[in-house]
Amino acid sequence: MEWKKLVELEDENLWRGTVFRFPATYPFEPVVDFMLFLDSASESGFSLVCTTGYKSGHHEGGLPLEARAKGKVQAISKTRLIENWTNWVYPETSVTEVQVSEGYTQEIGIIA
């Protein structure tokens, strides 16, 4: 998996399956991953799920309509997410500490 800082990412659109990794505190582990997924119950059509540790599988919240990317794409706006990270996602961590990956690699699920 390739990780980049969210604030340095070139692409404006964040797609389903995007993983955000950042420092966290209890009840999460010291580092946590949230994945962006499609969610018809969310205003924007997207929500976040925790994919690591004890809280793995927990729905962490839907993103508001304002999070949607511009145009006819099914994505979230990187700029709006950066501007609203502490309101929409996780207030305890600065957005400058957030790393992002396009998703988990297939090898993660392969049994040796």
PDB file of N, CA and C in Angstrom:
ATOM      1  N   MET A   1       0.837  -1.180   0.000  1.00  0.00           N
ATOM      2  CA  MET A   1       0.000   0.000   0.000  1.00  0.00           C
ATOM      3  C   MET A   1       0.878   1.238   0.000  1.00  0.00           C
ATOM      4  N   GLU A   2       0.462   2.199  -0.767  1.00  0.00           N
ATOM      5  CA  GLU A   2       1.187   3.462  -0.815  1.00  0.00           C
ATOM      6  C   GLU A   2       0.409   4.509  -0.024  1.00  0.00           C
ATOM      7  N   TRP A   3       1.072   5.169   0.904  1.00  0.00           N
ATOM      8  CA  TRP A   3       0.451   6.182   1.747  1.00  0.00           C
ATOM      9  C   TRP A   3       0.988   7.556   1.387  1.00  0.00           C
ATOM     10  N   LYS A   4       0.091   8.527   1.335  1.00  0.00           N
ATOM     11  CA  LYS A   4       0.449   9.924   1.093  1.00  0.00           C
ATOM     12  C   LYS A   4      -0.289  10.772   2.115  1.00  0.00           C
ATOM     13  N   LYS A   5       0.259  11.937   2.413  1.00  0.00           N
ATOM     14  CA  LYS A   5      -0.447  12.854   3.306  1.00  0.00           C
ATOM     15  C   LYS A   5      -1.687  13.387   2.586  1.00  0.00           C
ATOM     16  N   LEU A   6      -2.805  13.394   3.283  1.00  0.00           N
ATOM     17  CA  LEU A   6      -4.046  13.890   2.689  1.00  0.00           C
ATOM     18  C   LEU A   6      -3.885  15.310   2.175  1.00  0.00           C
ATOM     19  N   VAL A   7      -3.218  16.157   2.935  1.00  0.00           N
ATOM     20  CA  VAL A   7      -3.075  17.561   2.545  1.00  0.00           C
ATOM     21  C   VAL A   7      -2.156  17.755   1.337  1.00  0.00           C
ATOM     22  N   GLU A   8      -1.394  16.730   0.960  1.00  0.00           N
ATOM     23  CA  GLU A   8      -0.493  16.820  -0.191  1.00  0.00           C
ATOM     24  C   GLU A   8      -0.998  16.044  -1.402  1.00  0.00           C
ATOM     25  N   LEU A   9      -2.137  15.398  -1.274  1.00  0.00           N
ATOM     26  CA  LEU A   9      -2.699  14.588  -2.352  1.00  0.00           C
ATOM     27  C   LEU A   9      -3.067  15.475  -3.534  1.00  0.00           C
ATOM     28  N   GLU A  10      -2.717  15.062  -4.743  1.00  0.00           N
ATOM     29  CA  GLU A  10      -2.999  15.863  -5.930  1.00  0.00           C
ATOM     30  C   GLU A  10      -4.443  15.737  -6.391  1.00  0.00           C
ATOM     31  N   ASP A  11      -4.993  14.548  -6.363  1.00  0.00           N
ATOM     32  CA  ASP A  11      -6.357  14.324  -6.845  1.00  0.00           C
ATOM     33  C   ASP A  11      -7.358  15.008  -5.925  1.00  0.00           C
ATOM     34  N   GLU A  12      -8.307  15.724  -6.495  1.00  0.00           N
ATOM     35  CA  GLU A  12      -9.345  16.406  -5.710  1.00  0.00           C
ATOM     36  C   GLU A  12     -10.439  15.447  -5.260  1.00  0.00           C
ATOM     37  N   ASN A  13     -10.614  14.354  -5.978  1.00  0.00           N
ATOM     38  CA  ASN A  13     -11.688  13.418  -5.658  1.00  0.00           C
ATOM     39  C   ASN A  13     -11.179  12.244  -4.826  1.00  0.00           C
ATOM     40  N   LEU A  14     -11.954  11.907  -3.797  1.00  0.00           N
ATOM     41  CA  LEU A  14     -11.670  10.740  -2.959  1.00  0.00           C
ATOM     42  C   LEU A  14     -12.767   9.725  -3.222  1.00  0.00           C
ATOM     43  N   TRP A  15     -12.380   8.533  -3.625  1.00  0.00           N
ATOM     44  CA  TRP A  15     -13.317   7.519  -4.091  1.00  0.00           C
ATOM     45  C   TRP A  15     -13.614   6.486  -3.010  1.00  0.00           C
ATOM     46  N   ARG A  16     -14.691   5.730  -3.205  1.00  0.00           N
ATOM     47  CA  ARG A  16     -15.023   4.653  -2.268  1.00  0.00           C
ATOM     48  C   ARG A  16     -13.824   3.715  -2.159  1.00  0.00           C
ATOM     49  N   GLY A  17     -13.598   3.223  -0.968  1.00  0.00           N
ATOM     50  CA  GLY A  17     -12.446   2.359  -0.730  1.00  0.00           C
ATOM     51  C   GLY A  17     -11.219   3.104  -0.246  1.00  0.00           C
ATOM     52  N   THR A  18     -11.228   4.441  -0.343  1.00  0.00           N
ATOM     53  CA  THR A  18     -10.100   5.226   0.155  1.00  0.00           C
ATOM     54  C   THR A  18      -9.948   4.988   1.657  1.00  0.00           C
ATOM     55  N   VAL A  19      -8.704   4.797   2.101  1.00  0.00           N
ATOM     56  CA  VAL A  19      -8.426   4.545   3.516  1.00  0.00           C
ATOM     57  C   VAL A  19      -7.671   5.744   4.094  1.00  0.00           C
ATOM     58  N   PHE A  20      -8.135   6.195   5.252  1.00  0.00           N
ATOM     59  CA  PHE A  20      -7.502   7.289   5.982  1.00  0.00           C
ATOM     60  C   PHE A  20      -6.850   6.702   7.230  1.00  0.00           C
ATOM     61  N   ARG A  21      -5.566   6.981   7.428  1.00  0.00           N
ATOM     62  CA  ARG A  21      -4.831   6.481   8.596  1.00  0.00           C
ATOM     63  C   ARG A  21      -4.346   7.685   9.405  1.00  0.00           C
ATOM     64  N   PHE A  22      -4.603   7.643  10.708  1.00  0.00           N
ATOM     65  CA  PHE A  22      -4.232   8.790  11.538  1.00  0.00           C
ATOM     66  C   PHE A  22      -4.064   8.382  13.003  1.00  0.00           C
ATOM     67  N   PRO A  23      -3.304   9.182  13.769  1.00  0.00           N
ATOM     68  CA  PRO A  23      -3.153   8.932  15.196  1.00  0.00           C
ATOM     69  C   PRO A  23      -4.499   9.117  15.898  1.00  0.00           C
ATOM     70  N   ALA A  24      -4.774   8.265  16.874  1.00  0.00           N
ATOM     71  CA  ALA A  24      -6.053   8.334  17.581  1.00  0.00           C
ATOM     72  C   ALA A  24      -5.847   8.078  19.070  1.00  0.00           C
ATOM     73  N   THR A  25      -6.919   8.210  19.806  1.00  0.00           N
ATOM     74  CA  THR A  25      -6.900   7.948  21.241  1.00  0.00           C
ATOM     75  C   THR A  25      -8.029   6.983  21.579  1.00  0.00           C
ATOM     76  N   TYR A  26      -8.068   6.543  22.828  1.00  0.00           N
ATOM     77  CA  TYR A  26      -9.109   5.639  23.297  1.00  0.00           C
ATOM     78  C   TYR A  26     -10.483   6.180  22.903  1.00  0.00           C
ATOM     79  N   PRO A  27     -11.378   5.347  22.396  1.00  0.00           N
ATOM     80  CA  PRO A  27     -11.394   3.890  22.419  1.00  0.00           C
ATOM     81  C   PRO A  27     -10.712   3.238  21.214  1.00  0.00           C
ATOM     82  N   PHE A  28     -10.030   4.034  20.394  1.00  0.00           N
ATOM     83  CA  PHE A  28      -9.283   3.486  19.267  1.00  0.00           C
ATOM     84  C   PHE A  28      -7.869   3.144  19.718  1.00  0.00           C
ATOM     85  N   GLU A  29      -7.134   2.468  18.841  1.00  0.00           N
ATOM     86  CA  GLU A  29      -5.727   2.196  19.081  1.00  0.00           C
ATOM     87  C   GLU A  29      -4.932   3.478  18.787  1.00  0.00           C
ATOM     88  N   PRO A  30      -3.613   3.470  19.052  1.00  0.00           N
ATOM     89  CA  PRO A  30      -2.807   4.668  18.797  1.00  0.00           C
ATOM     90  C   PRO A  30      -2.823   5.128  17.340  1.00  0.00           C
ATOM     91  N   VAL A  31      -3.034   4.199  16.415  1.00  0.00           N
ATOM     92  CA  VAL A  31      -3.192   4.532  14.997  1.00  0.00           C
ATOM     93  C   VAL A  31      -4.418   3.783  14.503  1.00  0.00           C
ATOM     94  N   VAL A  32      -5.270   4.473  13.746  1.00  0.00           N
ATOM     95  CA  VAL A  32      -6.523   3.877  13.292  1.00  0.00           C
ATOM     96  C   VAL A  32      -6.713   4.122  11.799  1.00  0.00           C
ATOM     97  N   ASP A  33      -7.417   3.198  11.137  1.00  0.00           N
ATOM     98  CA  ASP A  33      -7.796   3.364   9.735  1.00  0.00           C
ATOM     99  C   ASP A  33      -9.307   3.493   9.638  1.00  0.00           C
ATOM    100  N   PHE A  34      -9.765   4.460   8.850  1.00  0.00           N
ATOM    101  CA  PHE A  34     -11.170   4.586   8.473  1.00  0.00           C
ATOM    102  C   PHE A  34     -11.237   4.425   6.964  1.00  0.00           C
ATOM    103  N   MET A  35     -12.255   3.709   6.478  1.00  0.00           N
ATOM    104  CA  MET A  35     -12.446   3.536   5.041  1.00  0.00           C
ATOM    105  C   MET A  35     -13.715   4.255   4.595  1.00  0.00           C
ATOM    106  N   LEU A  36     -13.621   4.908   3.447  1.00  0.00           N
ATOM    107  CA  LEU A  36     -14.757   5.581   2.829  1.00  0.00           C
ATOM    108  C   LEU A  36     -15.584   4.548   2.079  1.00  0.00           C
ATOM    109  N   PHE A  37     -16.887   4.496   2.369  1.00  0.00           N
ATOM    110  CA  PHE A  37     -17.737   3.540   1.660  1.00  0.00           C
ATOM    111  C   PHE A  37     -19.053   4.175   1.248  1.00  0.00           C
ATOM    112  N   LEU A  38     -19.675   3.592   0.230  1.00  0.00           N
ATOM    113  CA  LEU A  38     -20.974   4.064  -0.241  1.00  0.00           C
ATOM    114  C   LEU A  38     -22.031   3.743   0.800  1.00  0.00           C
ATOM    115  N   ASP A  39     -22.901   4.721   1.064  1.00  0.00           N
ATOM    116  CA  ASP A  39     -23.938   4.546   2.076  1.00  0.00           C
ATOM    117  C   ASP A  39     -25.164   5.359   1.670  1.00  0.00           C
ATOM    118  N   SER A  40     -26.191   4.686   1.204  1.00  0.00           N
ATOM    119  CA  SER A  40     -27.394   5.381   0.723  1.00  0.00           C
ATOM    120  C   SER A  40     -28.132   6.108   1.843  1.00  0.00           C
ATOM    121  N   ALA A  41     -27.847   5.784   3.098  1.00  0.00           N
ATOM    122  CA  ALA A  41     -28.499   6.453   4.221  1.00  0.00           C
ATOM    123  C   ALA A  41     -27.820   7.780   4.588  1.00  0.00           C
ATOM    124  N   SER A  42     -26.654   8.038   4.021  1.00  0.00           N
ATOM    125  CA  SER A  42     -25.905   9.261   4.302  1.00  0.00           C
ATOM    126  C   SER A  42     -26.309  10.354   3.314  1.00  0.00           C
ATOM    127  N   GLU A  43     -26.333  11.615   3.759  1.00  0.00           N
ATOM    128  CA  GLU A  43     -26.692  12.739   2.882  1.00  0.00           C
ATOM    129  C   GLU A  43     -25.824  12.790   1.629  1.00  0.00           C
ATOM    130  N   SER A  44     -24.543  12.539   1.789  1.00  0.00           N
ATOM    131  CA  SER A  44     -23.603  12.619   0.671  1.00  0.00           C
ATOM    132  C   SER A  44     -23.542  11.331  -0.136  1.00  0.00           C
ATOM    133  N   GLY A  45     -24.074  10.257   0.446  1.00  0.00           N
ATOM    134  CA  GLY A  45     -23.949   8.945  -0.173  1.00  0.00           C
ATOM    135  C   GLY A  45     -22.703   8.206   0.284  1.00  0.00           C
ATOM    136  N   PHE A  46     -21.962   8.810   1.234  1.00  0.00           N
ATOM    137  CA  PHE A  46     -20.724   8.224   1.740  1.00  0.00           C
ATOM    138  C   PHE A  46     -20.683   8.261   3.257  1.00  0.00           C
ATOM    139  N   SER A  47     -20.063   7.243   3.840  1.00  0.00           N
ATOM    140  CA  SER A  47     -19.817   7.177   5.277  1.00  0.00           C
ATOM    141  C   SER A  47     -18.425   6.625   5.506  1.00  0.00           C
ATOM    142  N   LEU A  48     -18.032   6.593   6.774  1.00  0.00           N
ATOM    143  CA  LEU A  48     -16.734   6.052   7.167  1.00  0.00           C
ATOM    144  C   LEU A  48     -16.935   4.876   8.106  1.00  0.00           C
ATOM    145  N   VAL A  49     -16.127   3.833   7.913  1.00  0.00           N
ATOM    146  CA  VAL A  49     -16.137   2.666   8.786  1.00  0.00           C
ATOM    147  C   VAL A  49     -14.720   2.455   9.304  1.00  0.00           C
ATOM    148  N   CYS A  50     -14.591   2.122  10.572  1.00  0.00           N
ATOM    149  CA  CYS A  50     -13.295   1.790  11.150  1.00  0.00           C
ATOM    150  C   CYS A  50     -12.899   0.402  10.645  1.00  0.00           C
ATOM    151  N   THR A  51     -11.650   0.254  10.211  1.00  0.00           N
ATOM    152  CA  THR A  51     -11.211  -1.034   9.667  1.00  0.00           C
ATOM    153  C   THR A  51     -10.052  -1.648  10.446  1.00  0.00           C
ATOM    154  N   THR A  52      -9.723  -1.068  11.602  1.00  0.00           N
ATOM    155  CA  THR A  52      -8.622  -1.608  12.398  1.00  0.00           C
ATOM    156  C   THR A  52      -9.001  -1.695  13.869  1.00  0.00           C
ATOM    157  N   GLY A  53      -8.372  -2.647  14.551  1.00  0.00           N
ATOM    158  CA  GLY A  53      -8.479  -2.740  15.997  1.00  0.00           C
ATOM    159  C   GLY A  53      -9.839  -3.129  16.544  1.00  0.00           C
ATOM    160  N   TYR A  54     -10.031  -2.807  17.808  1.00  0.00           N
ATOM    161  CA  TYR A  54     -11.228  -3.187  18.546  1.00  0.00           C
ATOM    162  C   TYR A  54     -12.501  -2.629  17.917  1.00  0.00           C
ATOM    163  N   LYS A  55     -12.451  -1.438  17.356  1.00  0.00           N
ATOM    164  CA  LYS A  55     -13.627  -0.794  16.768  1.00  0.00           C
ATOM    165  C   LYS A  55     -13.827  -1.170  15.303  1.00  0.00           C
ATOM    166  N   SER A  56     -13.035  -2.096  14.804  1.00  0.00           N
ATOM    167  CA  SER A  56     -13.146  -2.525  13.411  1.00  0.00           C
ATOM    168  C   SER A  56     -14.575  -2.940  13.089  1.00  0.00           C
ATOM    169  N   GLY A  57     -15.086  -2.423  11.985  1.00  0.00           N
ATOM    170  CA  GLY A  57     -16.447  -2.736  11.564  1.00  0.00           C
ATOM    171  C   GLY A  57     -17.492  -1.761  12.063  1.00  0.00           C
ATOM    172  N   HIS A  58     -17.108  -0.847  12.941  1.00  0.00           N
ATOM    173  CA  HIS A  58     -18.056   0.142  13.459  1.00  0.00           C
ATOM    174  C   HIS A  58     -18.234   1.284  12.468  1.00  0.00           C
ATOM    175  N   HIS A  59     -19.481   1.649  12.248  1.00  0.00           N
ATOM    176  CA  HIS A  59     -19.828   2.807  11.426  1.00  0.00           C
ATOM    177  C   HIS A  59     -19.426   4.047  12.211  1.00  0.00           C
ATOM    178  N   GLU A  60     -18.562   4.866  11.643  1.00  0.00           N
ATOM    179  CA  GLU A  60     -18.058   6.037  12.364  1.00  0.00           C
ATOM    180  C   GLU A  60     -18.770   7.323  11.987  1.00  0.00           C
ATOM    181  N   GLY A  61     -19.688   7.263  11.047  1.00  0.00           N
ATOM    182  CA  GLY A  61     -20.491   8.442  10.724  1.00  0.00           C
ATOM    183  C   GLY A  61     -20.622   8.677   9.238  1.00  0.00           C
ATOM    184  N   GLY A  62     -21.763   9.262   8.883  1.00  0.00           N
ATOM    185  CA  GLY A  62     -22.016   9.637   7.497  1.00  0.00           C
ATOM    186  C   GLY A  62     -21.472  11.029   7.221  1.00  0.00           C
ATOM    187  N   LEU A  63     -21.084  11.250   5.984  1.00  0.00           N
ATOM    188  CA  LEU A  63     -20.589  12.568   5.597  1.00  0.00           C
ATOM    189  C   LEU A  63     -21.748  13.401   5.045  1.00  0.00           C
ATOM    190  N   PRO A  64     -21.747  14.709   5.308  1.00  0.00           N
ATOM    191  CA  PRO A  64     -22.846  15.562   4.859  1.00  0.00           C
ATOM    192  C   PRO A  64     -22.808  15.817   3.358  1.00  0.00           C
ATOM    193  N   LEU A  65     -23.893  16.329   2.838  1.00  0.00           N
ATOM    194  CA  LEU A  65     -24.015  16.619   1.411  1.00  0.00           C
ATOM    195  C   LEU A  65     -22.876  17.510   0.916  1.00  0.00           C
ATOM    196  N   GLU A  66     -22.444  18.454   1.739  1.00  0.00           N
ATOM    197  CA  GLU A  66     -21.366  19.379   1.351  1.00  0.00           C
ATOM    198  C   GLU A  66     -20.051  18.669   1.067  1.00  0.00           C
ATOM    199  N   ALA A  67     -19.918  17.434   1.496  1.00  0.00           N
ATOM    200  CA  ALA A  67     -18.684  16.677   1.276  1.00  0.00           C
ATOM    201  C   ALA A  67     -18.559  16.174  -0.159  1.00  0.00           C
ATOM    202  N   ARG A  68     -19.674  16.135  -0.888  1.00  0.00           N
ATOM    203  CA  ARG A  68     -19.658  15.592  -2.254  1.00  0.00           C
ATOM    204  C   ARG A  68     -18.724  16.370  -3.168  1.00  0.00           C
ATOM    205  N   ALA A  69     -18.077  15.659  -4.064  1.00  0.00           N
ATOM    206  CA  ALA A  69     -17.217  16.274  -5.071  1.00  0.00           C
ATOM    207  C   ALA A  69     -18.080  16.977  -6.110  1.00  0.00           C
ATOM    208  N   LYS A  70     -17.497  17.959  -6.775  1.00  0.00           N
ATOM    209  CA  LYS A  70     -18.204  18.688  -7.829  1.00  0.00           C
ATOM    210  C   LYS A  70     -18.318  17.826  -9.073  1.00  0.00           C
ATOM    211  N   GLY A  71     -19.338  18.098  -9.866  1.00  0.00           N
ATOM    212  CA  GLY A  71     -19.509  17.393 -11.129  1.00  0.00           C
ATOM    213  C   GLY A  71     -20.301  16.118 -10.970  1.00  0.00           C
ATOM    214  N   LYS A  72     -20.324  15.356 -12.039  1.00  0.00           N
ATOM    215  CA  LYS A  72     -21.106  14.116 -12.072  1.00  0.00           C
ATOM    216  C   LYS A  72     -20.229  12.923 -11.729  1.00  0.00           C
ATOM    217  N   VAL A  73     -19.618  12.992 -10.566  1.00  0.00           N
ATOM    218  CA  VAL A  73     -18.789  11.890 -10.086  1.00  0.00           C
ATOM    219  C   VAL A  73     -19.315  11.440  -8.731  1.00  0.00           C
ATOM    220  N   GLN A  74     -19.105  10.188  -8.428  1.00  0.00           N
ATOM    221  CA  GLN A  74     -19.508   9.651  -7.131  1.00  0.00           C
ATOM    222  C   GLN A  74     -18.259   9.601  -6.259  1.00  0.00           C
ATOM    223  N   ALA A  75     -17.974  10.752  -5.631  1.00  0.00           N
ATOM    224  CA  ALA A  75     -16.745  10.898  -4.850  1.00  0.00           C
ATOM    225  C   ALA A  75     -16.939  11.985  -3.799  1.00  0.00           C
ATOM    226  N   ILE A  76     -15.967  12.081  -2.917  1.00  0.00           N
ATOM    227  CA  ILE A  76     -15.932  13.109  -1.882  1.00  0.00           C
ATOM    228  C   ILE A  76     -14.855  14.127  -2.260  1.00  0.00           C
ATOM    229  N   SER A  77     -15.093  15.387  -1.947  1.00  0.00           N
ATOM    230  CA  SER A  77     -14.134  16.452  -2.215  1.00  0.00           C
ATOM    231  C   SER A  77     -13.001  16.431  -1.191  1.00  0.00           C
ATOM    232  N   LYS A  78     -11.777  16.313  -1.686  1.00  0.00           N
ATOM    233  CA  LYS A  78     -10.607  16.353  -0.799  1.00  0.00           C
ATOM    234  C   LYS A  78     -10.541  17.690  -0.076  1.00  0.00           C
ATOM    235  N   THR A  79     -10.755  18.777  -0.797  1.00  0.00           N
ATOM    236  CA  THR A  79     -10.668  20.114  -0.207  1.00  0.00           C
ATOM    237  C   THR A  79     -11.672  20.299   0.916  1.00  0.00           C
ATOM    238  N   ARG A  80     -12.903  19.898   0.681  1.00  0.00           N
ATOM    239  CA  ARG A  80     -13.931  20.056   1.718  1.00  0.00           C
ATOM    240  C   ARG A  80     -13.649  19.157   2.922  1.00  0.00           C
ATOM    241  N   LEU A  81     -13.129  17.961   2.666  1.00  0.00           N
ATOM    242  CA  LEU A  81     -12.800  17.066   3.776  1.00  0.00           C
ATOM    243  C   LEU A  81     -11.669  17.651   4.620  1.00  0.00           C
ATOM    244  N   ILE A  82     -10.655  18.197   3.972  1.00  0.00           N
ATOM    245  CA  ILE A  82      -9.548  18.826   4.697  1.00  0.00           C
ATOM    246  C   ILE A  82     -10.062  19.990   5.546  1.00  0.00           C
ATOM    247  N   GLU A  83     -10.888  20.836   4.950  1.00  0.00           N
ATOM    248  CA  GLU A  83     -11.421  22.005   5.655  1.00  0.00           C
ATOM    249  C   GLU A  83     -12.287  21.622   6.853  1.00  0.00           C
ATOM    250  N   ASN A  84     -12.919  20.453   6.798  1.00  0.00           N
ATOM    251  CA  ASN A  84     -13.881  20.054   7.825  1.00  0.00           C
ATOM    252  C   ASN A  84     -13.491  18.793   8.592  1.00  0.00           C
ATOM    253  N   TRP A  85     -12.233  18.379   8.498  1.00  0.00           N
ATOM    254  CA  TRP A  85     -11.793  17.133   9.130  1.00  0.00           C
ATOM    255  C   TRP A  85     -12.215  17.044  10.595  1.00  0.00           C
ATOM    256  N   THR A  86     -11.935  18.097  11.369  1.00  0.00           N
ATOM    257  CA  THR A  86     -12.227  18.041  12.804  1.00  0.00           C
ATOM    258  C   THR A  86     -13.722  18.082  13.107  1.00  0.00           C
ATOM    259  N   ASN A  87     -14.527  18.564  12.186  1.00  0.00           N
ATOM    260  CA  ASN A  87     -15.985  18.572  12.373  1.00  0.00           C
ATOM    261  C   ASN A  87     -16.630  17.271  11.914  1.00  0.00           C
ATOM    262  N   TRP A  88     -16.165  16.743  10.809  1.00  0.00           N
ATOM    263  CA  TRP A  88     -16.829  15.600  10.185  1.00  0.00           C
ATOM    264  C   TRP A  88     -16.231  14.256  10.569  1.00  0.00           C
ATOM    265  N   VAL A  89     -14.941  14.221  10.871  1.00  0.00           N
ATOM    266  CA  VAL A  89     -14.276  12.925  11.023  1.00  0.00           C
ATOM    267  C   VAL A  89     -13.735  12.705  12.433  1.00  0.00           C
ATOM    268  N   TYR A  90     -12.676  13.428  12.802  1.00  0.00           N
ATOM    269  CA  TYR A  90     -12.017  13.132  14.077  1.00  0.00           C
ATOM    270  C   TYR A  90     -11.372  14.395  14.640  1.00  0.00           C
ATOM    271  N   PRO A  91     -12.001  15.034  15.623  1.00  0.00           N
ATOM    272  CA  PRO A  91     -11.506  16.314  16.140  1.00  0.00           C
ATOM    273  C   PRO A  91     -10.174  16.251  16.883  1.00  0.00           C
ATOM    274  N   GLU A  92      -9.784  15.093  17.381  1.00  0.00           N
ATOM    275  CA  GLU A  92      -8.564  14.988  18.181  1.00  0.00           C
ATOM    276  C   GLU A  92      -7.278  14.954  17.360  1.00  0.00           C
ATOM    277  N   THR A  93      -7.394  14.795  16.051  1.00  0.00           N
ATOM    278  CA  THR A  93      -6.206  14.704  15.198  1.00  0.00           C
ATOM    279  C   THR A  93      -6.241  15.782  14.126  1.00  0.00           C
ATOM    280  N   SER A  94      -5.137  16.501  13.992  1.00  0.00           N
ATOM    281  CA  SER A  94      -5.019  17.513  12.946  1.00  0.00           C
ATOM    282  C   SER A  94      -5.006  16.838  11.577  1.00  0.00           C
ATOM    283  N   VAL A  95      -5.645  17.473  10.624  1.00  0.00           N
ATOM    284  CA  VAL A  95      -5.697  16.914   9.271  1.00  0.00           C
ATOM    285  C   VAL A  95      -4.298  16.782   8.664  1.00  0.00           C
ATOM    286  N   THR A  96      -3.342  17.545   9.149  1.00  0.00           N
ATOM    287  CA  THR A  96      -1.974  17.444   8.627  1.00  0.00           C
ATOM    288  C   THR A  96      -1.309  16.122   8.983  1.00  0.00           C
ATOM    289  N   GLU A  97      -1.881  15.385   9.938  1.00  0.00           N
ATOM    290  CA  GLU A  97      -1.340  14.086  10.347  1.00  0.00           C
ATOM    291  C   GLU A  97      -2.008  12.911   9.637  1.00  0.00           C
ATOM    292  N   VAL A  98      -2.987  13.189   8.801  1.00  0.00           N
ATOM    293  CA  VAL A  98      -3.763  12.133   8.149  1.00  0.00           C
ATOM    294  C   VAL A  98      -3.054  11.659   6.889  1.00  0.00           C
ATOM    295  N   GLN A  99      -2.900  10.334   6.788  1.00  0.00           N
ATOM    296  CA  GLN A  99      -2.365   9.723   5.577  1.00  0.00           C
ATOM    297  C   GLN A  99      -3.504   9.029   4.844  1.00  0.00           C
ATOM    298  N   VAL A 100      -3.347   8.891   3.542  1.00  0.00           N
ATOM    299  CA  VAL A 100      -4.413   8.312   2.736  1.00  0.00           C
ATOM    300  C   VAL A 100      -3.832   7.305   1.745  1.00  0.00           C
ATOM    301  N   SER A 101      -4.617   6.268   1.475  1.00  0.00           N
ATOM    302  CA  SER A 101      -4.265   5.255   0.479  1.00  0.00           C
ATOM    303  C   SER A 101      -5.503   4.984  -0.358  1.00  0.00           C
ATOM    304  N   GLU A 102      -5.292   4.578  -1.591  1.00  0.00           N
ATOM    305  CA  GLU A 102      -6.426   4.302  -2.478  1.00  0.00           C
ATOM    306  C   GLU A 102      -7.220   3.084  -2.046  1.00  0.00           C
ATOM    307  N   GLY A 103      -6.736   2.337  -1.105  1.00  0.00           N
ATOM    308  CA  GLY A 103      -7.450   1.160  -0.611  1.00  0.00           C
ATOM    309  C   GLY A 103      -6.457   0.096  -0.205  1.00  0.00           C
ATOM    310  N   TYR A 104      -6.970  -0.943   0.406  1.00  0.00           N
ATOM    311  CA  TYR A 104      -6.117  -2.048   0.815  1.00  0.00           C
ATOM    312  C   TYR A 104      -5.728  -2.875  -0.397  1.00  0.00           C
ATOM    313  N   THR A 105      -4.498  -3.395  -0.374  1.00  0.00           N
ATOM    314  CA  THR A 105      -4.038  -4.228  -1.471  1.00  0.00           C
ATOM    315  C   THR A 105      -4.637  -5.622  -1.348  1.00  0.00           C
ATOM    316  N   GLN A 106      -4.703  -6.317  -2.443  1.00  0.00           N
ATOM    317  CA  GLN A 106      -5.271  -7.659  -2.464  1.00  0.00           C
ATOM    318  C   GLN A 106      -4.499  -8.607  -1.549  1.00  0.00           C
ATOM    319  N   GLU A 107      -3.199  -8.384  -1.416  1.00  0.00           N
ATOM    320  CA  GLU A 107      -2.362  -9.274  -0.617  1.00  0.00           C
ATOM    321  C   GLU A 107      -2.796  -9.336   0.848  1.00  0.00           C
ATOM    322  N   ILE A 108      -3.459  -8.309   1.337  1.00  0.00           N
ATOM    323  CA  ILE A 108      -3.883  -8.295   2.738  1.00  0.00           C
ATOM    324  C   ILE A 108      -4.812  -9.465   3.028  1.00  0.00           C
ATOM    325  N   GLY A 109      -5.630  -9.843   2.064  1.00  0.00           N
ATOM    326  CA  GLY A 109      -6.590 -10.918   2.287  1.00  0.00           C
ATOM    327  C   GLY A 109      -6.111 -12.302   1.884  1.00  0.00           C
ATOM    328  N   ILE A 110      -4.903 -12.410   1.346  1.00  0.00           N
ATOM    329  CA  ILE A 110      -4.392 -13.699   0.888  1.00  0.00           C
ATOM    330  C   ILE A 110      -3.881 -14.523   2.068  1.00  0.00           C
ATOM    331  N   ILE A 111      -4.276 -15.769   2.112  1.00  0.00           N
ATOM    332  CA  ILE A 111      -3.809 -16.685   3.153  1.00  0.00           C
ATOM    333  C   ILE A 111      -2.523 -17.342   2.671  1.00  0.00           C
ATOM    334  N   ALA A 112      -1.505 -17.312   3.509  1.00  0.00           N
ATOM    335  CA  ALA A 112      -0.198 -17.876   3.128  1.00  0.00           C
ATOM    336  C   ALA A 112      -0.247 -19.381   3.099  1.00  0.00           C
TER     337      ALA A 112
END
